[in-house]
């Protein structure tokens, strides 16, 4: 097995399958007003770096780094196929995502995740993300956790 991470367009069947799985998972955990999912057209914007993880040739994970235009960016649509868990796909995506952030000279990467996703929260904490107040257009939500990692 060989997991690779690369910048790829989001509009492809394997990615759409993952986004649909991600949507269903989020909808099973949270009410609509607490789901902050972005659509595929948002992921195609020039301000977005979209990463695809492949195990051999099969798409098994994805995430987006969405630049805010103020020296920060937000992680969106981080998802790994449940059947590919254990291959360190999420860690590999995070490594590449942060590398891109540094290459772009970002001073912070932020994210919103749900409180019922301990695996995601654990991953972000492992990478040094700390709790912050809601940012951007987010409003306070008891079901959301907002996190940030600053870069020098």
C-alpha atoms as a PDB file:
ATOM      1  CA  UNK A   1       0.000   0.000   0.000  1.00  0.00           C
ATOM      2  CA  UNK A   2       1.270   3.407  -0.962  1.00  0.00           C
ATOM      3  CA  UNK A   3      -0.527   6.532   0.303  1.00  0.00           C
ATOM      4  CA  UNK A   4       0.170   9.708  -1.657  1.00  0.00           C
ATOM      5  CA  UNK A   5      -1.044  13.266  -1.091  1.00  0.00           C
ATOM      6  CA  UNK A   6      -1.374  15.694  -4.001  1.00  0.00           C
ATOM      7  CA  UNK A   7      -3.140  18.878  -5.048  1.00  0.00           C
ATOM      8  CA  UNK A   8      -6.005  17.775  -7.278  1.00  0.00           C
ATOM      9  CA  UNK A   9      -9.332  19.168  -8.461  1.00  0.00           C
ATOM     10  CA  UNK A  10     -12.242  18.383  -6.145  1.00  0.00           C
ATOM     11  CA  UNK A  11     -14.726  17.658  -8.933  1.00  0.00           C
ATOM     12  CA  UNK A  12     -13.987  13.971  -9.479  1.00  0.00           C
ATOM     13  CA  UNK A  13     -16.033  10.900  -8.638  1.00  0.00           C
ATOM     14  CA  UNK A  14     -13.868   9.617  -5.780  1.00  0.00           C
ATOM     15  CA  UNK A  15     -13.844  13.014  -4.055  1.00  0.00           C
ATOM     16  CA  UNK A  16     -17.575  13.503  -4.520  1.00  0.00           C
ATOM     17  CA  UNK A  17     -18.116  10.077  -2.932  1.00  0.00           C
ATOM     18  CA  UNK A  18     -16.030  11.168   0.103  1.00  0.00           C
ATOM     19  CA  UNK A  19     -17.860  14.505   0.368  1.00  0.00           C
ATOM     20  CA  UNK A  20     -21.188  12.660   0.344  1.00  0.00           C
ATOM     21  CA  UNK A  21     -19.940  10.303   3.087  1.00  0.00           C
ATOM     22  CA  UNK A  22     -18.729  13.328   5.058  1.00  0.00           C
ATOM     23  CA  UNK A  23     -22.092  15.073   4.669  1.00  0.00           C
ATOM     24  CA  UNK A  24     -23.991  11.986   5.856  1.00  0.00           C
ATOM     25  CA  UNK A  25     -21.662  11.608   8.846  1.00  0.00           C
ATOM     26  CA  UNK A  26     -22.027  15.267   9.861  1.00  0.00           C
ATOM     27  CA  UNK A  27     -25.809  15.122   9.423  1.00  0.00           C
ATOM     28  CA  UNK A  28     -25.947  12.057  11.687  1.00  0.00           C
ATOM     29  CA  UNK A  29     -24.196  14.003  14.487  1.00  0.00           C
ATOM     30  CA  UNK A  30     -25.454  17.591  14.246  1.00  0.00           C
ATOM     31  CA  UNK A  31     -28.553  19.609  13.327  1.00  0.00           C
ATOM     32  CA  UNK A  32     -28.410  21.547  10.020  1.00  0.00           C
ATOM     33  CA  UNK A  33     -27.622  24.883  11.694  1.00  0.00           C
ATOM     34  CA  UNK A  34     -24.461  23.336  13.225  1.00  0.00           C
ATOM     35  CA  UNK A  35     -23.152  21.874   9.954  1.00  0.00           C
ATOM     36  CA  UNK A  36     -20.783  24.291   8.241  1.00  0.00           C
ATOM     37  CA  UNK A  37     -20.105  22.347   5.060  1.00  0.00           C
ATOM     38  CA  UNK A  38     -18.887  24.042   1.895  1.00  0.00           C
ATOM     39  CA  UNK A  39     -20.003  22.908  -1.532  1.00  0.00           C
ATOM     40  CA  UNK A  40     -17.821  21.709  -4.379  1.00  0.00           C
ATOM     41  CA  UNK A  41     -17.951  25.034  -6.265  1.00  0.00           C
ATOM     42  CA  UNK A  42     -16.421  26.742  -3.194  1.00  0.00           C
ATOM     43  CA  UNK A  43     -13.655  24.126  -3.196  1.00  0.00           C
ATOM     44  CA  UNK A  44     -12.827  25.009  -6.820  1.00  0.00           C
ATOM     45  CA  UNK A  45     -12.029  28.674  -6.102  1.00  0.00           C
ATOM     46  CA  UNK A  46      -8.469  29.935  -6.707  1.00  0.00           C
ATOM     47  CA  UNK A  47      -8.080  30.708  -2.980  1.00  0.00           C
ATOM     48  CA  UNK A  48      -8.443  26.996  -2.149  1.00  0.00           C
ATOM     49  CA  UNK A  49      -5.703  24.358  -2.087  1.00  0.00           C
ATOM     50  CA  UNK A  50      -7.518  21.010  -2.341  1.00  0.00           C
ATOM     51  CA  UNK A  51      -5.613  17.898  -1.298  1.00  0.00           C
ATOM     52  CA  UNK A  52      -6.464  14.341  -2.266  1.00  0.00           C
ATOM     53  CA  UNK A  53      -5.078  11.255  -0.551  1.00  0.00           C
ATOM     54  CA  UNK A  54      -4.784   8.111  -2.630  1.00  0.00           C
ATOM     55  CA  UNK A  55      -3.972   4.581  -1.562  1.00  0.00           C
ATOM     56  CA  UNK A  56      -2.416   3.256  -4.735  1.00  0.00           C
ATOM     57  CA  UNK A  57      -4.868   4.891  -7.175  1.00  0.00           C
ATOM     58  CA  UNK A  58      -8.006   4.859  -5.001  1.00  0.00           C
ATOM     59  CA  UNK A  59      -9.111   8.165  -3.425  1.00  0.00           C
ATOM     60  CA  UNK A  60      -9.254   7.601   0.344  1.00  0.00           C
ATOM     61  CA  UNK A  61      -9.114  11.092   1.850  1.00  0.00           C
ATOM     62  CA  UNK A  62      -9.337  14.807   1.185  1.00  0.00           C
ATOM     63  CA  UNK A  63      -9.129  18.244   2.737  1.00  0.00           C
ATOM     64  CA  UNK A  64      -9.057  21.877   1.694  1.00  0.00           C
ATOM     65  CA  UNK A  65      -7.054  24.871   2.836  1.00  0.00           C
ATOM     66  CA  UNK A  66      -9.236  27.931   2.207  1.00  0.00           C
ATOM     67  CA  UNK A  67      -7.339  31.213   2.326  1.00  0.00           C
ATOM     68  CA  UNK A  68      -9.172  34.100   4.000  1.00  0.00           C
ATOM     69  CA  UNK A  69      -7.080  36.817   2.337  1.00  0.00           C
ATOM     70  CA  UNK A  70      -5.746  38.146   5.647  1.00  0.00           C
ATOM     71  CA  UNK A  71      -2.777  35.833   6.149  1.00  0.00           C
ATOM     72  CA  UNK A  72      -4.931  33.060   7.601  1.00  0.00           C
ATOM     73  CA  UNK A  73      -6.640  30.038   6.120  1.00  0.00           C
ATOM     74  CA  UNK A  74      -9.239  27.545   7.268  1.00  0.00           C
ATOM     75  CA  UNK A  75      -9.211  23.770   7.054  1.00  0.00           C
ATOM     76  CA  UNK A  76     -12.423  22.551   5.427  1.00  0.00           C
ATOM     77  CA  UNK A  77     -13.710  19.173   4.291  1.00  0.00           C
ATOM     78  CA  UNK A  78     -11.123  17.021   6.069  1.00  0.00           C
ATOM     79  CA  UNK A  79     -12.393  13.473   5.654  1.00  0.00           C
ATOM     80  CA  UNK A  80     -10.903   9.990   5.422  1.00  0.00           C
ATOM     81  CA  UNK A  81     -12.765   6.978   4.071  1.00  0.00           C
ATOM     82  CA  UNK A  82     -13.605   4.820   7.128  1.00  0.00           C
ATOM     83  CA  UNK A  83     -12.176   1.789   5.303  1.00  0.00           C
ATOM     84  CA  UNK A  84      -8.794   3.543   4.991  1.00  0.00           C
ATOM     85  CA  UNK A  85      -8.456   4.496   8.638  1.00  0.00           C
ATOM     86  CA  UNK A  86      -5.275   3.268  10.258  1.00  0.00           C
ATOM     87  CA  UNK A  87      -3.133   4.227   7.244  1.00  0.00           C
ATOM     88  CA  UNK A  88      -2.252   7.633   8.781  1.00  0.00           C
ATOM     89  CA  UNK A  89      -4.097   9.361   5.924  1.00  0.00           C
ATOM     90  CA  UNK A  90      -5.313  12.250   8.107  1.00  0.00           C
ATOM     91  CA  UNK A  91      -1.803  12.853   9.465  1.00  0.00           C
ATOM     92  CA  UNK A  92      -0.364  12.853   5.960  1.00  0.00           C
ATOM     93  CA  UNK A  93      -3.031  15.333   4.847  1.00  0.00           C
ATOM     94  CA  UNK A  94      -2.253  17.566   7.833  1.00  0.00           C
ATOM     95  CA  UNK A  95       1.487  17.445   7.146  1.00  0.00           C
ATOM     96  CA  UNK A  96       0.985  18.558   3.541  1.00  0.00           C
ATOM     97  CA  UNK A  97      -1.680  21.110   4.440  1.00  0.00           C
ATOM     98  CA  UNK A  98       0.625  22.803   6.946  1.00  0.00           C
ATOM     99  CA  UNK A  99       3.503  22.673   4.472  1.00  0.00           C
ATOM    100  CA  UNK A 100       1.338  24.538   1.947  1.00  0.00           C
ATOM    101  CA  UNK A 101       0.381  27.047   4.639  1.00  0.00           C
ATOM    102  CA  UNK A 102       4.038  27.745   5.355  1.00  0.00           C
ATOM    103  CA  UNK A 103       4.859  28.006   1.634  1.00  0.00           C
ATOM    104  CA  UNK A 104       2.096  30.588   1.284  1.00  0.00           C
ATOM    105  CA  UNK A 105       3.434  32.557   4.249  1.00  0.00           C
ATOM    106  CA  UNK A 106       0.277  32.151   6.331  1.00  0.00           C
ATOM    107  CA  UNK A 107       0.525  33.238   9.954  1.00  0.00           C
ATOM    108  CA  UNK A 108      -2.343  31.022  11.165  1.00  0.00           C
ATOM    109  CA  UNK A 109      -4.522  28.107  10.141  1.00  0.00           C
ATOM    110  CA  UNK A 110      -7.958  27.846  11.741  1.00  0.00           C
ATOM    111  CA  UNK A 111     -10.784  25.346  11.762  1.00  0.00           C
ATOM    112  CA  UNK A 112     -14.224  24.573  13.084  1.00  0.00           C
ATOM    113  CA  UNK A 113     -15.086  21.039  14.093  1.00  0.00           C
ATOM    114  CA  UNK A 114     -17.896  19.443  16.006  1.00  0.00           C
ATOM    115  CA  UNK A 115     -17.706  18.482  19.659  1.00  0.00           C
ATOM    116  CA  UNK A 116     -18.886  14.927  18.862  1.00  0.00           C
ATOM    117  CA  UNK A 117     -15.802  14.122  16.751  1.00  0.00           C
ATOM    118  CA  UNK A 118     -13.121  13.061  19.243  1.00  0.00           C
ATOM    119  CA  UNK A 119     -10.849  11.616  16.538  1.00  0.00           C
ATOM    120  CA  UNK A 120     -10.749  14.927  14.663  1.00  0.00           C
ATOM    121  CA  UNK A 121     -10.261  16.930  17.849  1.00  0.00           C
ATOM    122  CA  UNK A 122      -7.443  14.598  18.895  1.00  0.00           C
ATOM    123  CA  UNK A 123      -5.739  14.959  15.511  1.00  0.00           C
ATOM    124  CA  UNK A 124      -5.863  18.746  15.626  1.00  0.00           C
ATOM    125  CA  UNK A 125      -4.632  18.878  19.221  1.00  0.00           C
ATOM    126  CA  UNK A 126      -1.767  16.536  18.303  1.00  0.00           C
ATOM    127  CA  UNK A 127      -0.779  19.051  15.617  1.00  0.00           C
ATOM    128  CA  UNK A 128      -0.767  21.923  18.112  1.00  0.00           C
ATOM    129  CA  UNK A 129      -4.143  23.537  17.422  1.00  0.00           C
ATOM    130  CA  UNK A 130      -5.595  25.368  20.411  1.00  0.00           C
ATOM    131  CA  UNK A 131      -9.092  26.575  21.214  1.00  0.00           C
ATOM    132  CA  UNK A 132     -10.118  30.040  20.022  1.00  0.00           C
ATOM    133  CA  UNK A 133     -13.304  32.082  19.840  1.00  0.00           C
ATOM    134  CA  UNK A 134     -15.510  31.839  16.721  1.00  0.00           C
ATOM    135  CA  UNK A 135     -13.834  33.498  13.736  1.00  0.00           C
ATOM    136  CA  UNK A 136     -14.903  34.841  10.356  1.00  0.00           C
ATOM    137  CA  UNK A 137     -18.646  34.477   9.831  1.00  0.00           C
ATOM    138  CA  UNK A 138     -19.058  31.777  12.515  1.00  0.00           C
ATOM    139  CA  UNK A 139     -21.370  32.436  15.441  1.00  0.00           C
ATOM    140  CA  UNK A 140     -20.971  30.833  18.861  1.00  0.00           C
ATOM    141  CA  UNK A 141     -22.393  27.303  18.796  1.00  0.00           C
ATOM    142  CA  UNK A 142     -22.322  24.877  21.743  1.00  0.00           C
ATOM    143  CA  UNK A 143     -21.814  22.038  19.242  1.00  0.00           C
ATOM    144  CA  UNK A 144     -18.765  23.663  17.587  1.00  0.00           C
ATOM    145  CA  UNK A 145     -15.143  23.869  18.617  1.00  0.00           C
ATOM    146  CA  UNK A 146     -12.959  26.538  17.003  1.00  0.00           C
ATOM    147  CA  UNK A 147      -9.211  25.983  16.837  1.00  0.00           C
ATOM    148  CA  UNK A 148      -6.103  27.704  15.516  1.00  0.00           C
ATOM    149  CA  UNK A 149      -2.409  27.097  15.019  1.00  0.00           C
ATOM    150  CA  UNK A 150      -0.150  30.088  14.572  1.00  0.00           C
ATOM    151  CA  UNK A 151       3.035  30.066  12.510  1.00  0.00           C
ATOM    152  CA  UNK A 152       6.015  32.364  12.953  1.00  0.00           C
END
